[in-house]
Amino acid sequence: MIKFRVRSGRWRQIHLGVYAIYSGELTRGTRLWAAVLSAGPGAALSHETAAELQRLTDKPAEIIHLTVPVRRHVMAIEGVRLHRSRRQVEAVQRNAYPPRTKVEETVLDLTKTAQTFDDVCGWVTRAIARELTDETRLRQAMSNRARLRWRADLNELIGAAASGDHSVLEFRYHGARTGRRR
């Protein structure tokens, strides 16, 4: 039945085992769900893609980022960047559709891949300024990670953002006045 509907053009294959049952342009939401379904159980949108859905960024990510449990073997999916995590179950936001990582986990994932300190500062200050998370939850998420890039800087940034620095410029301005190192 599936082969017939695909051949007849009623359905179209998006990824292996994932089909669109309508004609027309695929929406962003459809593409995100298709990626999650293609990766299977335990998969969740993460990094820039989760940031897009959580309003941490205002532009859609070019590549869809998915995190899967470390023990899962997932075939490469066109247009999708796969990440693996030992903490996948704890990192996923409950009752979010499509599944995605929690805001705090997303921020820490993004800081892990950040190229510059300003990028790190931007993710942290934006998350707190937009009231998507708070100092306590970010620090708790940090404590759950044994290895974390930028840890010392993150501690300083989280405190500054919670105290009212809501941009890289504000952080640098207040840092220059108080003698902070950045």
C-alpha atoms as a PDB file:
ATOM      1  CA  MET A   1       0.000   0.000   0.000  1.00  0.00           C
ATOM      2  CA  ILE A   2       2.830   2.439   0.894  1.00  0.00           C
ATOM      3  CA  LYS A   3       4.719   1.674  -2.339  1.00  0.00           C
ATOM      4  CA  PHE A   4       1.554   2.217  -4.367  1.00  0.00           C
ATOM      5  CA  ARG A   5       0.823   5.571  -2.722  1.00  0.00           C
ATOM      6  CA  VAL A   6       4.426   6.755  -3.190  1.00  0.00           C
ATOM      7  CA  ARG A   7       4.474   5.630  -6.866  1.00  0.00           C
ATOM      8  CA  SER A   8       1.121   7.279  -7.521  1.00  0.00           C
ATOM      9  CA  GLY A   9       2.324  10.541  -5.992  1.00  0.00           C
ATOM     10  CA  ARG A  10      -0.201  10.599  -3.156  1.00  0.00           C
ATOM     11  CA  TRP A  11       2.563  10.219  -0.606  1.00  0.00           C
ATOM     12  CA  ARG A  12       6.222  11.120  -0.805  1.00  0.00           C
ATOM     13  CA  GLN A  13       9.169   9.820   1.113  1.00  0.00           C
ATOM     14  CA  ILE A  14      10.945  12.435   3.231  1.00  0.00           C
ATOM     15  CA  HIS A  15      13.416  10.082   4.931  1.00  0.00           C
ATOM     16  CA  LEU A  16      13.679   6.313   5.154  1.00  0.00           C
ATOM     17  CA  GLY A  17      10.424   5.157   6.749  1.00  0.00           C
ATOM     18  CA  VAL A  18       8.971   8.694   6.977  1.00  0.00           C
ATOM     19  CA  TYR A  19       6.398   9.890   4.469  1.00  0.00           C
ATOM     20  CA  ALA A  20       4.395  13.045   3.826  1.00  0.00           C
ATOM     21  CA  ILE A  21       0.798  12.131   3.136  1.00  0.00           C
ATOM     22  CA  TYR A  22      -0.021  15.399   1.405  1.00  0.00           C
ATOM     23  CA  SER A  23       1.215  17.161  -1.689  1.00  0.00           C
ATOM     24  CA  GLY A  24       2.659  20.614  -1.668  1.00  0.00           C
ATOM     25  CA  GLU A  25       5.557  22.277   0.060  1.00  0.00           C
ATOM     26  CA  LEU A  26       6.880  20.750   3.272  1.00  0.00           C
ATOM     27  CA  THR A  27       6.600  23.165   6.171  1.00  0.00           C
ATOM     28  CA  ARG A  28       9.434  23.773   8.635  1.00  0.00           C
ATOM     29  CA  GLY A  29       7.480  21.892  11.286  1.00  0.00           C
ATOM     30  CA  THR A  30       7.030  18.917   8.960  1.00  0.00           C
ATOM     31  CA  ARG A  31      10.758  18.813   8.222  1.00  0.00           C
ATOM     32  CA  LEU A  32      11.602  18.916  11.938  1.00  0.00           C
ATOM     33  CA  TRP A  33       9.146  16.141  12.797  1.00  0.00           C
ATOM     34  CA  ALA A  34      10.374  14.042   9.874  1.00  0.00           C
ATOM     35  CA  ALA A  35      13.965  14.290  11.132  1.00  0.00           C
ATOM     36  CA  VAL A  36      12.951  13.266  14.673  1.00  0.00           C
ATOM     37  CA  LEU A  37      10.835  10.350  13.431  1.00  0.00           C
ATOM     38  CA  SER A  38      13.574   9.197  11.101  1.00  0.00           C
ATOM     39  CA  ALA A  39      16.110   9.055  13.960  1.00  0.00           C
ATOM     40  CA  GLY A  40      13.748   6.945  16.066  1.00  0.00           C
ATOM     41  CA  PRO A  41      13.069   6.596  19.796  1.00  0.00           C
ATOM     42  CA  GLY A  42      14.947   8.961  22.085  1.00  0.00           C
ATOM     43  CA  ALA A  43      15.762  11.485  19.359  1.00  0.00           C
ATOM     44  CA  ALA A  44      15.254  15.163  20.172  1.00  0.00           C
ATOM     45  CA  LEU A  45      15.936  18.426  18.402  1.00  0.00           C
ATOM     46  CA  SER A  46      18.942  20.181  19.911  1.00  0.00           C
ATOM     47  CA  HIS A  47      21.536  22.920  19.470  1.00  0.00           C
ATOM     48  CA  GLU A  48      20.507  25.649  16.979  1.00  0.00           C
ATOM     49  CA  THR A  49      17.288  23.833  16.055  1.00  0.00           C
ATOM     50  CA  ALA A  50      16.082  23.642  19.664  1.00  0.00           C
ATOM     51  CA  ALA A  51      17.170  27.279  20.098  1.00  0.00           C
ATOM     52  CA  GLU A  52      14.939  28.227  17.174  1.00  0.00           C
ATOM     53  CA  LEU A  53      11.889  26.561  18.750  1.00  0.00           C
ATOM     54  CA  GLN A  54      12.640  27.999  22.196  1.00  0.00           C
ATOM     55  CA  ARG A  55      13.017  31.585  20.879  1.00  0.00           C
ATOM     56  CA  LEU A  56      16.716  31.719  21.779  1.00  0.00           C
ATOM     57  CA  THR A  57      17.371  32.742  18.192  1.00  0.00           C
ATOM     58  CA  ASP A  58      15.229  34.511  15.636  1.00  0.00           C
ATOM     59  CA  LYS A  59      16.344  32.635  12.542  1.00  0.00           C
ATOM     60  CA  PRO A  60      15.898  28.992  11.527  1.00  0.00           C
ATOM     61  CA  ALA A  61      18.992  26.825  11.551  1.00  0.00           C
ATOM     62  CA  GLU A  62      20.173  25.773   8.107  1.00  0.00           C
ATOM     63  CA  ILE A  63      20.926  22.246   9.296  1.00  0.00           C
ATOM     64  CA  ILE A  64      18.579  20.377  11.615  1.00  0.00           C
ATOM     65  CA  HIS A  65      20.393  19.325  14.788  1.00  0.00           C
ATOM     66  CA  LEU A  66      19.283  16.134  16.548  1.00  0.00           C
ATOM     67  CA  THR A  67      20.643  14.484  19.656  1.00  0.00           C
ATOM     68  CA  VAL A  68      20.185  10.752  20.143  1.00  0.00           C
ATOM     69  CA  PRO A  69      21.144   8.445  23.004  1.00  0.00           C
ATOM     70  CA  VAL A  70      24.805   7.427  22.748  1.00  0.00           C
ATOM     71  CA  ARG A  71      23.971   3.731  22.396  1.00  0.00           C
ATOM     72  CA  ARG A  72      21.587   4.269  19.469  1.00  0.00           C
ATOM     73  CA  HIS A  73      22.970   3.655  16.002  1.00  0.00           C
ATOM     74  CA  VAL A  74      21.279   6.022  13.606  1.00  0.00           C
ATOM     75  CA  MET A  75      21.990   6.162   9.902  1.00  0.00           C
ATOM     76  CA  ALA A  76      23.016   9.510   8.473  1.00  0.00           C
ATOM     77  CA  ILE A  77      20.034  11.644   7.520  1.00  0.00           C
ATOM     78  CA  GLU A  78      20.303  14.206   4.732  1.00  0.00           C
ATOM     79  CA  GLY A  79      20.223  17.746   6.089  1.00  0.00           C
ATOM     80  CA  VAL A  80      20.572  16.588   9.704  1.00  0.00           C
ATOM     81  CA  ARG A  81      23.552  16.847  12.043  1.00  0.00           C
ATOM     82  CA  LEU A  82      23.517  14.052  14.627  1.00  0.00           C
ATOM     83  CA  HIS A  83      24.870  14.478  18.151  1.00  0.00           C
ATOM     84  CA  ARG A  84      25.113  11.736  20.763  1.00  0.00           C
ATOM     85  CA  SER A  85      24.565  12.070  24.501  1.00  0.00           C
ATOM     86  CA  ARG A  86      24.751   9.826  27.551  1.00  0.00           C
ATOM     87  CA  ARG A  87      22.305  12.139  29.295  1.00  0.00           C
ATOM     88  CA  GLN A  88      19.678  12.292  26.560  1.00  0.00           C
ATOM     89  CA  VAL A  89      16.752  11.215  28.730  1.00  0.00           C
ATOM     90  CA  GLU A  90      17.400  13.910  31.379  1.00  0.00           C
ATOM     91  CA  ALA A  91      18.141  16.579  28.777  1.00  0.00           C
ATOM     92  CA  VAL A  92      14.813  16.382  26.932  1.00  0.00           C
ATOM     93  CA  GLN A  93      12.059  18.873  27.751  1.00  0.00           C
ATOM     94  CA  ARG A  94       8.875  17.117  28.839  1.00  0.00           C
ATOM     95  CA  ASN A  95       5.700  17.613  26.803  1.00  0.00           C
ATOM     96  CA  ALA A  96       7.446  19.445  23.975  1.00  0.00           C
ATOM     97  CA  TYR A  97       6.359  18.608  20.450  1.00  0.00           C
ATOM     98  CA  PRO A  98       8.443  17.912  18.518  1.00  0.00           C
ATOM     99  CA  PRO A  99      10.815  16.624  21.227  1.00  0.00           C
ATOM    100  CA  ARG A 100      13.678  18.995  22.029  1.00  0.00           C
ATOM    101  CA  THR A 101      16.290  19.562  24.673  1.00  0.00           C
ATOM    102  CA  LYS A 102      15.525  21.782  27.674  1.00  0.00           C
ATOM    103  CA  VAL A 103      16.482  25.442  27.346  1.00  0.00           C
ATOM    104  CA  GLU A 104      19.361  25.053  29.809  1.00  0.00           C
ATOM    105  CA  GLU A 105      20.725  22.032  27.943  1.00  0.00           C
ATOM    106  CA  THR A 106      20.372  23.889  24.657  1.00  0.00           C
ATOM    107  CA  VAL A 107      22.344  26.851  26.019  1.00  0.00           C
ATOM    108  CA  LEU A 108      25.134  24.577  27.263  1.00  0.00           C
ATOM    109  CA  ASP A 109      25.191  22.638  23.975  1.00  0.00           C
ATOM    110  CA  LEU A 110      25.518  25.909  22.071  1.00  0.00           C
ATOM    111  CA  THR A 111      28.305  27.174  24.307  1.00  0.00           C
ATOM    112  CA  LYS A 112      30.135  23.891  23.760  1.00  0.00           C
ATOM    113  CA  THR A 113      30.225  24.570  20.012  1.00  0.00           C
ATOM    114  CA  ALA A 114      30.696  28.350  20.270  1.00  0.00           C
ATOM    115  CA  GLN A 115      33.670  29.806  18.414  1.00  0.00           C
ATOM    116  CA  THR A 116      34.166  32.889  20.589  1.00  0.00           C
ATOM    117  CA  PHE A 117      33.527  34.197  24.079  1.00  0.00           C
ATOM    118  CA  ASP A 118      31.056  36.700  22.610  1.00  0.00           C
ATOM    119  CA  ASP A 119      29.003  33.812  21.194  1.00  0.00           C
ATOM    120  CA  VAL A 120      28.955  32.156  24.629  1.00  0.00           C
ATOM    121  CA  CYS A 121      27.971  35.435  26.268  1.00  0.00           C
ATOM    122  CA  GLY A 122      25.208  35.955  23.707  1.00  0.00           C
ATOM    123  CA  TRP A 123      23.576  32.576  24.347  1.00  0.00           C
ATOM    124  CA  VAL A 124      23.627  32.966  28.130  1.00  0.00           C
ATOM    125  CA  THR A 125      22.473  36.578  28.278  1.00  0.00           C
ATOM    126  CA  ARG A 126      19.755  36.021  25.671  1.00  0.00           C
ATOM    127  CA  ALA A 127      18.317  33.014  27.538  1.00  0.00           C
ATOM    128  CA  ILE A 128      18.089  34.945  30.795  1.00  0.00           C
ATOM    129  CA  ALA A 129      16.994  38.272  29.243  1.00  0.00           C
ATOM    130  CA  ARG A 130      14.151  36.558  27.374  1.00  0.00           C
ATOM    131  CA  GLU A 131      13.160  34.844  30.643  1.00  0.00           C
ATOM    132  CA  LEU A 132      13.522  31.383  29.145  1.00  0.00           C
ATOM    133  CA  THR A 133      15.565  30.179  32.114  1.00  0.00           C
ATOM    134  CA  ASP A 134      17.188  31.494  35.269  1.00  0.00           C
ATOM    135  CA  GLU A 135      20.461  31.363  37.153  1.00  0.00           C
ATOM    136  CA  THR A 136      19.450  28.405  39.325  1.00  0.00           C
ATOM    137  CA  ARG A 137      18.407  26.149  36.457  1.00  0.00           C
ATOM    138  CA  LEU A 138      21.471  27.003  34.364  1.00  0.00           C
ATOM    139  CA  ARG A 139      23.807  26.290  37.275  1.00  0.00           C
ATOM    140  CA  GLN A 140      22.004  22.999  37.971  1.00  0.00           C
ATOM    141  CA  ALA A 141      22.400  21.959  34.330  1.00  0.00           C
ATOM    142  CA  MET A 142      26.104  22.852  34.530  1.00  0.00           C
ATOM    143  CA  SER A 143      26.560  20.699  37.636  1.00  0.00           C
ATOM    144  CA  ASN A 144      25.106  17.716  35.757  1.00  0.00           C
ATOM    145  CA  ARG A 145      27.914  17.839  33.208  1.00  0.00           C
ATOM    146  CA  ALA A 146      31.312  16.466  34.128  1.00  0.00           C
ATOM    147  CA  ARG A 147      32.979  18.031  31.101  1.00  0.00           C
ATOM    148  CA  LEU A 148      31.956  21.499  30.058  1.00  0.00           C
ATOM    149  CA  ARG A 149      33.801  23.909  27.827  1.00  0.00           C
ATOM    150  CA  TRP A 150      33.956  27.511  29.091  1.00  0.00           C
ATOM    151  CA  ARG A 151      32.933  26.444  32.660  1.00  0.00           C
ATOM    152  CA  ALA A 152      34.692  29.300  34.508  1.00  0.00           C
ATOM    153  CA  ASP A 153      33.426  31.868  32.010  1.00  0.00           C
ATOM    154  CA  LEU A 154      29.911  30.439  32.217  1.00  0.00           C
ATOM    155  CA  ASN A 155      29.861  30.828  35.998  1.00  0.00           C
ATOM    156  CA  GLU A 156      30.794  34.477  35.646  1.00  0.00           C
ATOM    157  CA  LEU A 157      28.376  35.082  32.749  1.00  0.00           C
ATOM    158  CA  ILE A 158      25.410  33.481  34.477  1.00  0.00           C
ATOM    159  CA  GLY A 159      25.919  35.625  37.552  1.00  0.00           C
ATOM    160  CA  ALA A 160      26.262  38.781  35.465  1.00  0.00           C
ATOM    161  CA  ALA A 161      23.200  37.971  33.336  1.00  0.00           C
ATOM    162  CA  ALA A 162      21.129  37.255  36.454  1.00  0.00           C
ATOM    163  CA  SER A 163      22.253  40.643  37.817  1.00  0.00           C
ATOM    164  CA  GLY A 164      21.039  42.464  34.718  1.00  0.00           C
ATOM    165  CA  ASP A 165      23.668  42.177  31.973  1.00  0.00           C
ATOM    166  CA  HIS A 166      21.449  41.179  29.049  1.00  0.00           C
ATOM    167  CA  SER A 167      23.864  41.518  26.155  1.00  0.00           C
ATOM    168  CA  VAL A 168      27.521  41.132  25.299  1.00  0.00           C
ATOM    169  CA  LEU A 169      27.890  44.916  25.302  1.00  0.00           C
ATOM    170  CA  GLU A 170      26.398  45.274  28.781  1.00  0.00           C
ATOM    171  CA  PHE A 171      28.607  42.477  30.081  1.00  0.00           C
ATOM    172  CA  ARG A 172      31.724  44.133  28.647  1.00  0.00           C
ATOM    173  CA  TYR A 173      30.704  47.596  29.883  1.00  0.00           C
ATOM    174  CA  HIS A 174      30.071  46.428  33.439  1.00  0.00           C
ATOM    175  CA  GLY A 175      33.166  44.234  33.329  1.00  0.00           C
ATOM    176  CA  ALA A 176      35.358  47.194  32.414  1.00  0.00           C
ATOM    177  CA  ARG A 177      33.890  49.238  35.281  1.00  0.00           C
ATOM    178  CA  THR A 178      34.216  46.468  37.887  1.00  0.00           C
ATOM    179  CA  GLY A 179      37.521  45.011  36.737  1.00  0.00           C
ATOM    180  CA  ARG A 180      36.185  41.691  35.505  1.00  0.00           C
ATOM    181  CA  ARG A 181      38.645  39.945  33.259  1.00  0.00           C
ATOM    182  CA  ARG A 182      36.701  40.013  29.961  1.00  0.00           C
END
